[in-house]
Every structure is written in structure tokens, then in C-alpha cells.
Amino acid sequence: MWVFGYGSLVWKAGFNFDERLVGFIKGYRRVFYQGSTDHRGTPEFPGRTVTLEPADPHEVCWGAAYKITKKEEQEIALTHLEVREKQYDKKAYVDFFTVSYHEIF
């Protein structure tokens, strides 16, 4: 299993992984539209967190992809991410391109 991170996951995964690659996905852009009251801001003044939105197919969003091989570690990572990303969790399959462009995951 691979997990793509485009915000704080880039520098703080919070789960065990076997490999980390820097690269990008196409057709999305990173925006600070999502309001957060649980770890940034207050109910009156929600803090801004990064999220993805669909974009022109030629736009890219840089980030990091984490490979998690063991089934047990995958379950732990998904549980961690469900708690961490609870206000804006969405799972999607996307093509990930490494810096060298020739590898797609």
C-alpha cells in the first residue's frame, strides 16, 4: 500500500513505513480552504488546513508517497490517519509520479 501526503504528512507521517519517495500527482492543487477547530483555531475562528481540490489536468501537487508493506502496519497507519484526518478524510486512487517522471505508482 502507498499513502500520498501533500501537507503535514510530508514531514510528519506518524506511522511506520518502508520507503518514502518525493513526487507529485496530476490534476489537483493544494489549497488552504478547509476550516479546522480540533487542532487549529476555535469554533468562532476555525484555523486553515491544507486540502486538495480538482484542478486542470496539467496542474500538479507535490508531496511524498509512503510505502507500507506489512498488513499489520497498513492497518495501524490507516487507523492513525482516520483519527488525524477526521475532519477532511477522503480516500482516492491517484497516479503518483516520482521526480524522474518515469515511475508511476
PDB file of N, CA and C in Angstrom:
ATOM      1  N   MET A   1       0.845  -1.167   0.000  1.00  0.00           N
ATOM      2  CA  MET A   1       0.000   0.000   0.000  1.00  0.00           C
ATOM      3  C   MET A   1       0.895   1.235   0.000  1.00  0.00           C
ATOM      4  N   TRP A   2       0.472   2.238  -0.754  1.00  0.00           N
ATOM      5  CA  TRP A   2       1.153   3.531  -0.770  1.00  0.00           C
ATOM      6  C   TRP A   2       0.192   4.599  -0.261  1.00  0.00           C
ATOM      7  N   VAL A   3       0.701   5.551   0.509  1.00  0.00           N
ATOM      8  CA  VAL A   3      -0.078   6.681   1.006  1.00  0.00           C
ATOM      9  C   VAL A   3       0.591   7.955   0.514  1.00  0.00           C
ATOM     10  N   PHE A   4      -0.185   8.843  -0.119  1.00  0.00           N
ATOM     11  CA  PHE A   4       0.341  10.121  -0.599  1.00  0.00           C
ATOM     12  C   PHE A   4       0.014  11.210   0.407  1.00  0.00           C
ATOM     13  N   GLY A   5       1.023  11.986   0.776  1.00  0.00           N
ATOM     14  CA  GLY A   5       0.837  13.120   1.667  1.00  0.00           C
ATOM     15  C   GLY A   5       1.229  14.405   0.976  1.00  0.00           C
ATOM     16  N   TYR A   6       0.435  15.450   1.162  1.00  0.00           N
ATOM     17  CA  TYR A   6       0.679  16.727   0.491  1.00  0.00           C
ATOM     18  C   TYR A   6       0.725  17.897   1.466  1.00  0.00           C
ATOM     19  N   GLY A   7       0.465  17.644   2.738  1.00  0.00           N
ATOM     20  CA  GLY A   7       0.515  18.681   3.767  1.00  0.00           C
ATOM     21  C   GLY A   7       1.513  18.272   4.831  1.00  0.00           C
ATOM     22  N   SER A   8       1.053  18.220   6.074  1.00  0.00           N
ATOM     23  CA  SER A   8       1.961  17.876   7.170  1.00  0.00           C
ATOM     24  C   SER A   8       2.466  16.436   7.089  1.00  0.00           C
ATOM     25  N   LEU A   9       1.791  15.585   6.342  1.00  0.00           N
ATOM     26  CA  LEU A   9       2.301  14.213   6.172  1.00  0.00           C
ATOM     27  C   LEU A   9       3.656  14.190   5.479  1.00  0.00           C
ATOM     28  N   VAL A  10       3.987  15.251   4.762  1.00  0.00           N
ATOM     29  CA  VAL A  10       5.273  15.301   4.060  1.00  0.00           C
ATOM     30  C   VAL A  10       6.426  15.218   5.057  1.00  0.00           C
ATOM     31  N   TRP A  11       6.310  15.879   6.181  1.00  0.00           N
ATOM     32  CA  TRP A  11       7.414  15.885   7.151  1.00  0.00           C
ATOM     33  C   TRP A  11       7.088  15.149   8.451  1.00  0.00           C
ATOM     34  N   LYS A  12       5.827  14.753   8.652  1.00  0.00           N
ATOM     35  CA  LYS A  12       5.464  14.076   9.902  1.00  0.00           C
ATOM     36  C   LYS A  12       4.418  12.999   9.602  1.00  0.00           C
ATOM     37  N   ALA A  13       4.892  11.855   9.144  1.00  0.00           N
ATOM     38  CA  ALA A  13       3.964  10.787   8.758  1.00  0.00           C
ATOM     39  C   ALA A  13       3.172  10.272   9.966  1.00  0.00           C
ATOM     40  N   GLY A  14       3.864   9.974  11.043  1.00  0.00           N
ATOM     41  CA  GLY A  14       3.178   9.474  12.228  1.00  0.00           C
ATOM     42  C   GLY A  14       2.875   7.984  12.193  1.00  0.00           C
ATOM     43  N   PHE A  15       3.420   7.283  11.223  1.00  0.00           N
ATOM     44  CA  PHE A  15       3.245   5.836  11.116  1.00  0.00           C
ATOM     45  C   PHE A  15       4.520   5.241  10.534  1.00  0.00           C
ATOM     46  N   ASN A  16       4.679   3.942  10.711  1.00  0.00           N
ATOM     47  CA  ASN A  16       5.857   3.254  10.172  1.00  0.00           C
ATOM     48  C   ASN A  16       5.688   3.022   8.679  1.00  0.00           C
ATOM     49  N   PHE A  17       6.772   3.160   7.941  1.00  0.00           N
ATOM     50  CA  PHE A  17       6.731   2.920   6.503  1.00  0.00           C
ATOM     51  C   PHE A  17       8.053   2.309   6.062  1.00  0.00           C
ATOM     52  N   ASP A  18       8.039   1.678   4.897  1.00  0.00           N
ATOM     53  CA  ASP A  18       9.223   1.000   4.375  1.00  0.00           C
ATOM     54  C   ASP A  18      10.029   1.871   3.421  1.00  0.00           C
ATOM     55  N   GLU A  19       9.356   2.782   2.756  1.00  0.00           N
ATOM     56  CA  GLU A  19      10.027   3.613   1.750  1.00  0.00           C
ATOM     57  C   GLU A  19       9.273   4.927   1.619  1.00  0.00           C
ATOM     58  N   ARG A  20      10.013   5.995   1.317  1.00  0.00           N
ATOM     59  CA  ARG A  20       9.427   7.325   1.108  1.00  0.00           C
ATOM     60  C   ARG A  20       9.991   7.886  -0.189  1.00  0.00           C
ATOM     61  N   LEU A  21       9.096   8.344  -1.068  1.00  0.00           N
ATOM     62  CA  LEU A  21       9.509   8.943  -2.334  1.00  0.00           C
ATOM     63  C   LEU A  21       8.901  10.328  -2.472  1.00  0.00           C
ATOM     64  N   VAL A  22       9.664  11.250  -3.007  1.00  0.00           N
ATOM     65  CA  VAL A  22       9.165  12.592  -3.305  1.00  0.00           C
ATOM     66  C   VAL A  22       8.656  12.591  -4.736  1.00  0.00           C
ATOM     67  N   GLY A  23       7.520  13.234  -4.951  1.00  0.00           N
ATOM     68  CA  GLY A  23       6.956  13.293  -6.291  1.00  0.00           C
ATOM     69  C   GLY A  23       5.673  14.096  -6.302  1.00  0.00           C
ATOM     70  N   PHE A  24       4.824  13.840  -7.290  1.00  0.00           N
ATOM     71  CA  PHE A  24       3.616  14.644  -7.448  1.00  0.00           C
ATOM     72  C   PHE A  24       2.476  13.827  -8.034  1.00  0.00           C
ATOM     73  N   ILE A  25       1.267  14.391  -7.882  1.00  0.00           N
ATOM     74  CA  ILE A  25       0.087  13.866  -8.555  1.00  0.00           C
ATOM     75  C   ILE A  25      -0.398  14.945  -9.512  1.00  0.00           C
ATOM     76  N   LYS A  26      -1.091  14.540 -10.547  1.00  0.00           N
ATOM     77  CA  LYS A  26      -1.573  15.488 -11.554  1.00  0.00           C
ATOM     78  C   LYS A  26      -3.071  15.723 -11.391  1.00  0.00           C
ATOM     79  N   GLY A  27      -3.501  16.926 -11.800  1.00  0.00           N
ATOM     80  CA  GLY A  27      -4.924  17.229 -11.808  1.00  0.00           C
ATOM     81  C   GLY A  27      -5.492  17.704 -10.488  1.00  0.00           C
ATOM     82  N   TYR A  28      -4.623  18.032  -9.542  1.00  0.00           N
ATOM     83  CA  TYR A  28      -5.048  18.553  -8.237  1.00  0.00           C
ATOM     84  C   TYR A  28      -4.178  19.736  -7.850  1.00  0.00           C
ATOM     85  N   ARG A  29      -4.739  20.597  -6.991  1.00  0.00           N
ATOM     86  CA  ARG A  29      -3.951  21.692  -6.426  1.00  0.00           C
ATOM     87  C   ARG A  29      -4.177  21.737  -4.916  1.00  0.00           C
ATOM     88  N   ARG A  30      -3.161  22.206  -4.208  1.00  0.00           N
ATOM     89  CA  ARG A  30      -3.180  22.342  -2.750  1.00  0.00           C
ATOM     90  C   ARG A  30      -3.770  23.715  -2.420  1.00  0.00           C
ATOM     91  N   VAL A  31      -4.781  23.735  -1.543  1.00  0.00           N
ATOM     92  CA  VAL A  31      -5.417  24.992  -1.137  1.00  0.00           C
ATOM     93  C   VAL A  31      -5.620  24.992   0.378  1.00  0.00           C
ATOM     94  N   PHE A  32      -5.740  26.167   0.941  1.00  0.00           N
ATOM     95  CA  PHE A  32      -5.975  26.315   2.382  1.00  0.00           C
ATOM     96  C   PHE A  32      -7.421  26.753   2.620  1.00  0.00           C
ATOM     97  N   TYR A  33      -8.380  25.962   2.154  1.00  0.00           N
ATOM     98  CA  TYR A  33      -9.804  26.270   2.278  1.00  0.00           C
ATOM     99  C   TYR A  33     -10.457  25.598   3.470  1.00  0.00           C
ATOM    100  N   GLN A  34      -9.915  24.484   3.909  1.00  0.00           N
ATOM    101  CA  GLN A  34     -10.556  23.677   4.939  1.00  0.00           C
ATOM    102  C   GLN A  34     -10.420  24.327   6.309  1.00  0.00           C
ATOM    103  N   GLY A  35     -11.546  24.566   6.980  1.00  0.00           N
ATOM    104  CA  GLY A  35     -11.529  25.091   8.339  1.00  0.00           C
ATOM    105  C   GLY A  35     -11.355  23.963   9.338  1.00  0.00           C
ATOM    106  N   SER A  36     -10.602  24.206  10.390  1.00  0.00           N
ATOM    107  CA  SER A  36     -10.353  23.183  11.404  1.00  0.00           C
ATOM    108  C   SER A  36     -10.540  23.774  12.793  1.00  0.00           C
ATOM    109  N   THR A  37     -11.293  23.054  13.619  1.00  0.00           N
ATOM    110  CA  THR A  37     -11.482  23.503  15.001  1.00  0.00           C
ATOM    111  C   THR A  37     -10.842  22.555  16.008  1.00  0.00           C
ATOM    112  N   ASP A  38     -10.381  21.397  15.557  1.00  0.00           N
ATOM    113  CA  ASP A  38      -9.868  20.429  16.527  1.00  0.00           C
ATOM    114  C   ASP A  38      -8.394  20.607  16.857  1.00  0.00           C
ATOM    115  N   HIS A  39      -7.569  21.007  15.924  1.00  0.00           N
ATOM    116  CA  HIS A  39      -6.153  21.202  16.241  1.00  0.00           C
ATOM    117  C   HIS A  39      -5.614  22.539  15.738  1.00  0.00           C
ATOM    118  N   ARG A  40      -6.479  23.331  15.157  1.00  0.00           N
ATOM    119  CA  ARG A  40      -6.113  24.701  14.764  1.00  0.00           C
ATOM    120  C   ARG A  40      -7.370  25.545  14.885  1.00  0.00           C
ATOM    121  N   GLY A  41      -7.262  26.689  15.478  1.00  0.00           N
ATOM    122  CA  GLY A  41      -8.405  27.581  15.543  1.00  0.00           C
ATOM    123  C   GLY A  41      -9.403  27.224  16.629  1.00  0.00           C
ATOM    124  N   THR A  42     -10.536  27.938  16.586  1.00  0.00           N
ATOM    125  CA  THR A  42     -11.624  27.760  17.542  1.00  0.00           C
ATOM    126  C   THR A  42     -12.934  27.666  16.763  1.00  0.00           C
ATOM    127  N   PRO A  43     -14.042  27.304  17.437  1.00  0.00           N
ATOM    128  CA  PRO A  43     -15.321  27.275  16.713  1.00  0.00           C
ATOM    129  C   PRO A  43     -15.679  28.637  16.098  1.00  0.00           C
ATOM    130  N   GLU A  44     -15.316  29.719  16.777  1.00  0.00           N
ATOM    131  CA  GLU A  44     -15.604  31.054  16.247  1.00  0.00           C
ATOM    132  C   GLU A  44     -14.668  31.440  15.102  1.00  0.00           C
ATOM    133  N   PHE A  45     -13.435  30.979  15.186  1.00  0.00           N
ATOM    134  CA  PHE A  45     -12.417  31.306  14.182  1.00  0.00           C
ATOM    135  C   PHE A  45     -11.649  30.040  13.788  1.00  0.00           C
ATOM    136  N   PRO A  46     -12.243  29.217  12.928  1.00  0.00           N
ATOM    137  CA  PRO A  46     -11.552  27.988  12.524  1.00  0.00           C
ATOM    138  C   PRO A  46     -10.214  28.294  11.857  1.00  0.00           C
ATOM    139  N   GLY A  47      -9.224  27.491  12.192  1.00  0.00           N
ATOM    140  CA  GLY A  47      -7.928  27.621  11.538  1.00  0.00           C
ATOM    141  C   GLY A  47      -7.980  27.017  10.146  1.00  0.00           C
ATOM    142  N   ARG A  48      -7.032  27.349   9.333  1.00  0.00           N
ATOM    143  CA  ARG A  48      -6.993  26.828   7.960  1.00  0.00           C
ATOM    144  C   ARG A  48      -6.021  25.662   7.872  1.00  0.00           C
ATOM    145  N   THR A  49      -6.467  24.632   7.205  1.00  0.00           N
ATOM    146  CA  THR A  49      -5.607  23.489   6.936  1.00  0.00           C
ATOM    147  C   THR A  49      -5.595  23.232   5.437  1.00  0.00           C
ATOM    148  N   VAL A  50      -4.579  22.558   5.006  1.00  0.00           N
ATOM    149  CA  VAL A  50      -4.412  22.310   3.578  1.00  0.00           C
ATOM    150  C   VAL A  50      -5.325  21.164   3.129  1.00  0.00           C
ATOM    151  N   THR A  51      -5.848  21.300   1.941  1.00  0.00           N
ATOM    152  CA  THR A  51      -6.668  20.258   1.330  1.00  0.00           C
ATOM    153  C   THR A  51      -6.392  20.247  -0.169  1.00  0.00           C
ATOM    154  N   LEU A  52      -6.902  19.256  -0.842  1.00  0.00           N
ATOM    155  CA  LEU A  52      -6.747  19.170  -2.296  1.00  0.00           C
ATOM    156  C   LEU A  52      -8.074  19.463  -2.960  1.00  0.00           C
ATOM    157  N   GLU A  53      -8.002  20.073  -4.141  1.00  0.00           N
ATOM    158  CA  GLU A  53      -9.196  20.219  -4.955  1.00  0.00           C
ATOM    159  C   GLU A  53      -8.838  19.876  -6.394  1.00  0.00           C
ATOM    160  N   PRO A  54      -9.810  19.356  -7.135  1.00  0.00           N
ATOM    161  CA  PRO A  54      -9.548  19.055  -8.542  1.00  0.00           C
ATOM    162  C   PRO A  54      -9.111  20.317  -9.277  1.00  0.00           C
ATOM    163  N   ALA A  55      -8.227  20.140 -10.228  1.00  0.00           N
ATOM    164  CA  ALA A  55      -7.677  21.273 -10.974  1.00  0.00           C
ATOM    165  C   ALA A  55      -7.501  20.859 -12.431  1.00  0.00           C
ATOM    166  N   ASP A  56      -6.945  21.757 -13.196  1.00  0.00           N
ATOM    167  CA  ASP A  56      -6.617  21.479 -14.586  1.00  0.00           C
ATOM    168  C   ASP A  56      -5.757  20.218 -14.646  1.00  0.00           C
ATOM    169  N   PRO A  57      -5.964  19.353 -15.624  1.00  0.00           N
ATOM    170  CA  PRO A  57      -5.184  18.112 -15.699  1.00  0.00           C
ATOM    171  C   PRO A  57      -3.670  18.315 -15.765  1.00  0.00           C
ATOM    172  N   HIS A  58      -3.234  19.511 -16.147  1.00  0.00           N
ATOM    173  CA  HIS A  58      -1.798  19.768 -16.254  1.00  0.00           C
ATOM    174  C   HIS A  58      -1.194  20.319 -14.960  1.00  0.00           C
ATOM    175  N   GLU A  59      -2.043  20.692 -13.993  1.00  0.00           N
ATOM    176  CA  GLU A  59      -1.512  21.157 -12.707  1.00  0.00           C
ATOM    177  C   GLU A  59      -1.016  19.959 -11.907  1.00  0.00           C
ATOM    178  N   VAL A  60      -0.056  20.211 -11.023  1.00  0.00           N
ATOM    179  CA  VAL A  60       0.480  19.144 -10.180  1.00  0.00           C
ATOM    180  C   VAL A  60       0.504  19.588  -8.728  1.00  0.00           C
ATOM    181  N   CYS A  61       0.479  18.622  -7.846  1.00  0.00           N
ATOM    182  CA  CYS A  61       0.627  18.861  -6.415  1.00  0.00           C
ATOM    183  C   CYS A  61       1.763  17.978  -5.924  1.00  0.00           C
ATOM    184  N   TRP A  62       2.794  18.618  -5.398  1.00  0.00           N
ATOM    185  CA  TRP A  62       3.964  17.898  -4.891  1.00  0.00           C
ATOM    186  C   TRP A  62       3.699  17.370  -3.491  1.00  0.00           C
ATOM    187  N   GLY A  63       4.358  16.268  -3.174  1.00  0.00           N
ATOM    188  CA  GLY A  63       4.241  15.690  -1.849  1.00  0.00           C
ATOM    189  C   GLY A  63       5.174  14.509  -1.706  1.00  0.00           C
ATOM    190  N   ALA A  64       4.799  13.607  -0.822  1.00  0.00           N
ATOM    191  CA  ALA A  64       5.601  12.407  -0.578  1.00  0.00           C
ATOM    192  C   ALA A  64       4.679  11.198  -0.536  1.00  0.00           C
ATOM    193  N   ALA A  65       5.178  10.086  -1.047  1.00  0.00           N
ATOM    194  CA  ALA A  65       4.433   8.825  -1.000  1.00  0.00           C
ATOM    195  C   ALA A  65       5.173   7.862  -0.083  1.00  0.00           C
ATOM    196  N   TYR A  66       4.403   7.190   0.753  1.00  0.00           N
ATOM    197  CA  TYR A  66       4.962   6.258   1.730  1.00  0.00           C
ATOM    198  C   TYR A  66       4.499   4.842   1.417  1.00  0.00           C
ATOM    199  N   LYS A  67       5.452   3.943   1.285  1.00  0.00           N
ATOM    200  CA  LYS A  67       5.136   2.533   1.033  1.00  0.00           C
ATOM    201  C   LYS A  67       5.058   1.797   2.366  1.00  0.00           C
ATOM    202  N   ILE A  68       3.948   1.117   2.573  1.00  0.00           N
ATOM    203  CA  ILE A  68       3.744   0.324   3.782  1.00  0.00           C
ATOM    204  C   ILE A  68       3.468  -1.102   3.319  1.00  0.00           C
ATOM    205  N   THR A  69       4.372  -2.004   3.617  1.00  0.00           N
ATOM    206  CA  THR A  69       4.305  -3.358   3.080  1.00  0.00           C
ATOM    207  C   THR A  69       3.497  -4.317   3.952  1.00  0.00           C
ATOM    208  N   LYS A  70       3.784  -4.327   5.240  1.00  0.00           N
ATOM    209  CA  LYS A  70       3.160  -5.309   6.132  1.00  0.00           C
ATOM    210  C   LYS A  70       1.694  -4.958   6.398  1.00  0.00           C
ATOM    211  N   LYS A  71       0.830  -5.965   6.303  1.00  0.00           N
ATOM    212  CA  LYS A  71      -0.609  -5.779   6.511  1.00  0.00           C
ATOM    213  C   LYS A  71      -0.896  -5.148   7.871  1.00  0.00           C
ATOM    214  N   GLU A  72      -0.217  -5.614   8.903  1.00  0.00           N
ATOM    215  CA  GLU A  72      -0.426  -5.070  10.250  1.00  0.00           C
ATOM    216  C   GLU A  72      -0.073  -3.585  10.300  1.00  0.00           C
ATOM    217  N   GLU A  73       1.025  -3.195   9.683  1.00  0.00           N
ATOM    218  CA  GLU A  73       1.434  -1.784   9.656  1.00  0.00           C
ATOM    219  C   GLU A  73       0.466  -0.946   8.817  1.00  0.00           C
ATOM    220  N   GLN A  74      -0.102  -1.530   7.763  1.00  0.00           N
ATOM    221  CA  GLN A  74      -1.095  -0.826   6.952  1.00  0.00           C
ATOM    222  C   GLN A  74      -2.324  -0.487   7.787  1.00  0.00           C
ATOM    223  N   GLU A  75      -2.792  -1.456   8.556  1.00  0.00           N
ATOM    224  CA  GLU A  75      -3.963  -1.237   9.405  1.00  0.00           C
ATOM    225  C   GLU A  75      -3.688  -0.175  10.460  1.00  0.00           C
ATOM    226  N   ILE A  76      -2.505  -0.211  11.050  1.00  0.00           N
ATOM    227  CA  ILE A  76      -2.126   0.796  12.050  1.00  0.00           C
ATOM    228  C   ILE A  76      -2.082   2.179  11.405  1.00  0.00           C
ATOM    229  N   ALA A  77      -1.488   2.278  10.220  1.00  0.00           N
ATOM    230  CA  ALA A  77      -1.393   3.565   9.520  1.00  0.00           C
ATOM    231  C   ALA A  77      -2.773   4.104   9.175  1.00  0.00           C
ATOM    232  N   LEU A  78      -3.655   3.253   8.662  1.00  0.00           N
ATOM    233  CA  LEU A  78      -4.999   3.709   8.298  1.00  0.00           C
ATOM    234  C   LEU A  78      -5.787   4.162   9.519  1.00  0.00           C
ATOM    235  N   THR A  79      -5.657   3.444  10.625  1.00  0.00           N
ATOM    236  CA  THR A  79      -6.321   3.858  11.862  1.00  0.00           C
ATOM    237  C   THR A  79      -5.796   5.214  12.318  1.00  0.00           C
ATOM    238  N   HIS A  80      -4.483   5.386  12.277  1.00  0.00           N
ATOM    239  CA  HIS A  80      -3.865   6.663  12.645  1.00  0.00           C
ATOM    240  C   HIS A  80      -4.388   7.794  11.752  1.00  0.00           C
ATOM    241  N   LEU A  81      -4.440   7.555  10.454  1.00  0.00           N
ATOM    242  CA  LEU A  81      -4.878   8.595   9.517  1.00  0.00           C
ATOM    243  C   LEU A  81      -6.360   8.916   9.663  1.00  0.00           C
ATOM    244  N   GLU A  82      -7.181   7.932   9.992  1.00  0.00           N
ATOM    245  CA  GLU A  82      -8.605   8.192  10.199  1.00  0.00           C
ATOM    246  C   GLU A  82      -8.828   9.129  11.379  1.00  0.00           C
ATOM    247  N   VAL A  83      -8.015   9.014  12.416  1.00  0.00           N
ATOM    248  CA  VAL A  83      -8.111   9.929  13.557  1.00  0.00           C
ATOM    249  C   VAL A  83      -7.518  11.286  13.184  1.00  0.00           C
ATOM    250  N   ARG A  84      -6.347  11.277  12.604  1.00  0.00           N
ATOM    251  CA  ARG A  84      -5.631  12.512  12.274  1.00  0.00           C
ATOM    252  C   ARG A  84      -6.377  13.360  11.243  1.00  0.00           C
ATOM    253  N   GLU A  85      -6.966  12.731  10.256  1.00  0.00           N
ATOM    254  CA  GLU A  85      -7.595  13.443   9.145  1.00  0.00           C
ATOM    255  C   GLU A  85      -9.119  13.464   9.252  1.00  0.00           C
ATOM    256  N   LYS A  86      -9.652  13.327  10.440  1.00  0.00           N
ATOM    257  CA  LYS A  86     -11.085  13.091  10.619  1.00  0.00           C
ATOM    258  C   LYS A  86     -12.007  14.153  10.033  1.00  0.00           C
ATOM    259  N   GLN A  87     -11.606  15.405  10.015  1.00  0.00           N
ATOM    260  CA  GLN A  87     -12.500  16.440   9.502  1.00  0.00           C
ATOM    261  C   GLN A  87     -12.467  16.544   7.980  1.00  0.00           C
ATOM    262  N   TYR A  88     -11.520  15.931   7.345  1.00  0.00           N
ATOM    263  CA  TYR A  88     -11.389  16.118   5.896  1.00  0.00           C
ATOM    264  C   TYR A  88     -10.804  14.891   5.230  1.00  0.00           C
ATOM    265  N   ASP A  89     -11.245  13.740   5.671  1.00  0.00           N
ATOM    266  CA  ASP A  89     -10.703  12.479   5.167  1.00  0.00           C
ATOM    267  C   ASP A  89     -11.419  12.059   3.892  1.00  0.00           C
ATOM    268  N   LYS A  90     -10.652  11.828   2.849  1.00  0.00           N
ATOM    269  CA  LYS A  90     -11.185  11.271   1.604  1.00  0.00           C
ATOM    270  C   LYS A  90     -10.106  10.387   1.003  1.00  0.00           C
ATOM    271  N   LYS A  91     -10.505   9.188   0.649  1.00  0.00           N
ATOM    272  CA  LYS A  91      -9.549   8.261   0.039  1.00  0.00           C
ATOM    273  C   LYS A  91      -9.803   8.212  -1.458  1.00  0.00           C
ATOM    274  N   ALA A  92      -8.737   8.243  -2.230  1.00  0.00           N
ATOM    275  CA  ALA A  92      -8.846   8.168  -3.687  1.00  0.00           C
ATOM    276  C   ALA A  92      -7.601   7.497  -4.239  1.00  0.00           C
ATOM    277  N   TYR A  93      -7.757   6.825  -5.335  1.00  0.00           N
ATOM    278  CA  TYR A  93      -6.616   6.240  -6.038  1.00  0.00           C
ATOM    279  C   TYR A  93      -6.145   7.245  -7.077  1.00  0.00           C
ATOM    280  N   VAL A  94      -4.867   7.589  -7.022  1.00  0.00           N
ATOM    281  CA  VAL A  94      -4.286   8.543  -7.969  1.00  0.00           C
ATOM    282  C   VAL A  94      -2.954   7.995  -8.463  1.00  0.00           C
ATOM    283  N   ASP A  95      -2.553   8.435  -9.628  1.00  0.00           N
ATOM    284  CA  ASP A  95      -1.221   8.094 -10.121  1.00  0.00           C
ATOM    285  C   ASP A  95      -0.213   9.011  -9.456  1.00  0.00           C
ATOM    286  N   PHE A  96       0.880   8.451  -8.999  1.00  0.00           N
ATOM    287  CA  PHE A  96       1.948   9.202  -8.346  1.00  0.00           C
ATOM    288  C   PHE A  96       3.181   9.150  -9.230  1.00  0.00           C
ATOM    289  N   PHE A  97       3.758  10.311  -9.498  1.00  0.00           N
ATOM    290  CA  PHE A  97       4.929  10.410 -10.365  1.00  0.00           C
ATOM    291  C   PHE A  97       6.134  10.821  -9.535  1.00  0.00           C
ATOM    292  N   THR A  98       7.220  10.084  -9.670  1.00  0.00           N
ATOM    293  CA  THR A  98       8.435  10.448  -8.957  1.00  0.00           C
ATOM    294  C   THR A  98       9.120  11.597  -9.681  1.00  0.00           C
ATOM    295  N   VAL A  99      10.135  12.134  -9.065  1.00  0.00           N
ATOM    296  CA  VAL A  99      10.862  13.268  -9.630  1.00  0.00           C
ATOM    297  C   VAL A  99      11.395  12.949 -11.021  1.00  0.00           C
ATOM    298  N   SER A 100      11.771  11.710 -11.252  1.00  0.00           N
ATOM    299  CA  SER A 100      12.343  11.340 -12.547  1.00  0.00           C
ATOM    300  C   SER A 100      11.279  11.102 -13.620  1.00  0.00           C
ATOM    301  N   TYR A 101       9.991  11.191 -13.256  1.00  0.00           N
ATOM    302  CA  TYR A 101       8.860  11.068 -14.181  1.00  0.00           C
ATOM    303  C   TYR A 101       8.651   9.674 -14.745  1.00  0.00           C
ATOM    304  N   HIS A 102       9.618   8.782 -14.687  1.00  0.00           N
ATOM    305  CA  HIS A 102       9.441   7.503 -15.352  1.00  0.00           C
ATOM    306  C   HIS A 102       8.748   6.454 -14.486  1.00  0.00           C
ATOM    307  N   GLU A 103       8.588   6.736 -13.209  1.00  0.00           N
ATOM    308  CA  GLU A 103       7.934   5.776 -12.335  1.00  0.00           C
ATOM    309  C   GLU A 103       6.543   6.270 -11.975  1.00  0.00           C
ATOM    310  N   ILE A 104       5.564   5.417 -12.139  1.00  0.00           N
ATOM    311  CA  ILE A 104       4.199   5.726 -11.736  1.00  0.00           C
ATOM    312  C   ILE A 104       3.756   4.638 -10.774  1.00  0.00           C
ATOM    313  N   PHE A 105       3.142   5.046  -9.664  1.00  0.00           N
ATOM    314  CA  PHE A 105       2.658   4.085  -8.676  1.00  0.00           C
ATOM    315  C   PHE A 105       1.156   4.182  -8.582  1.00  0.00           C
TER     316      PHE A 105
END
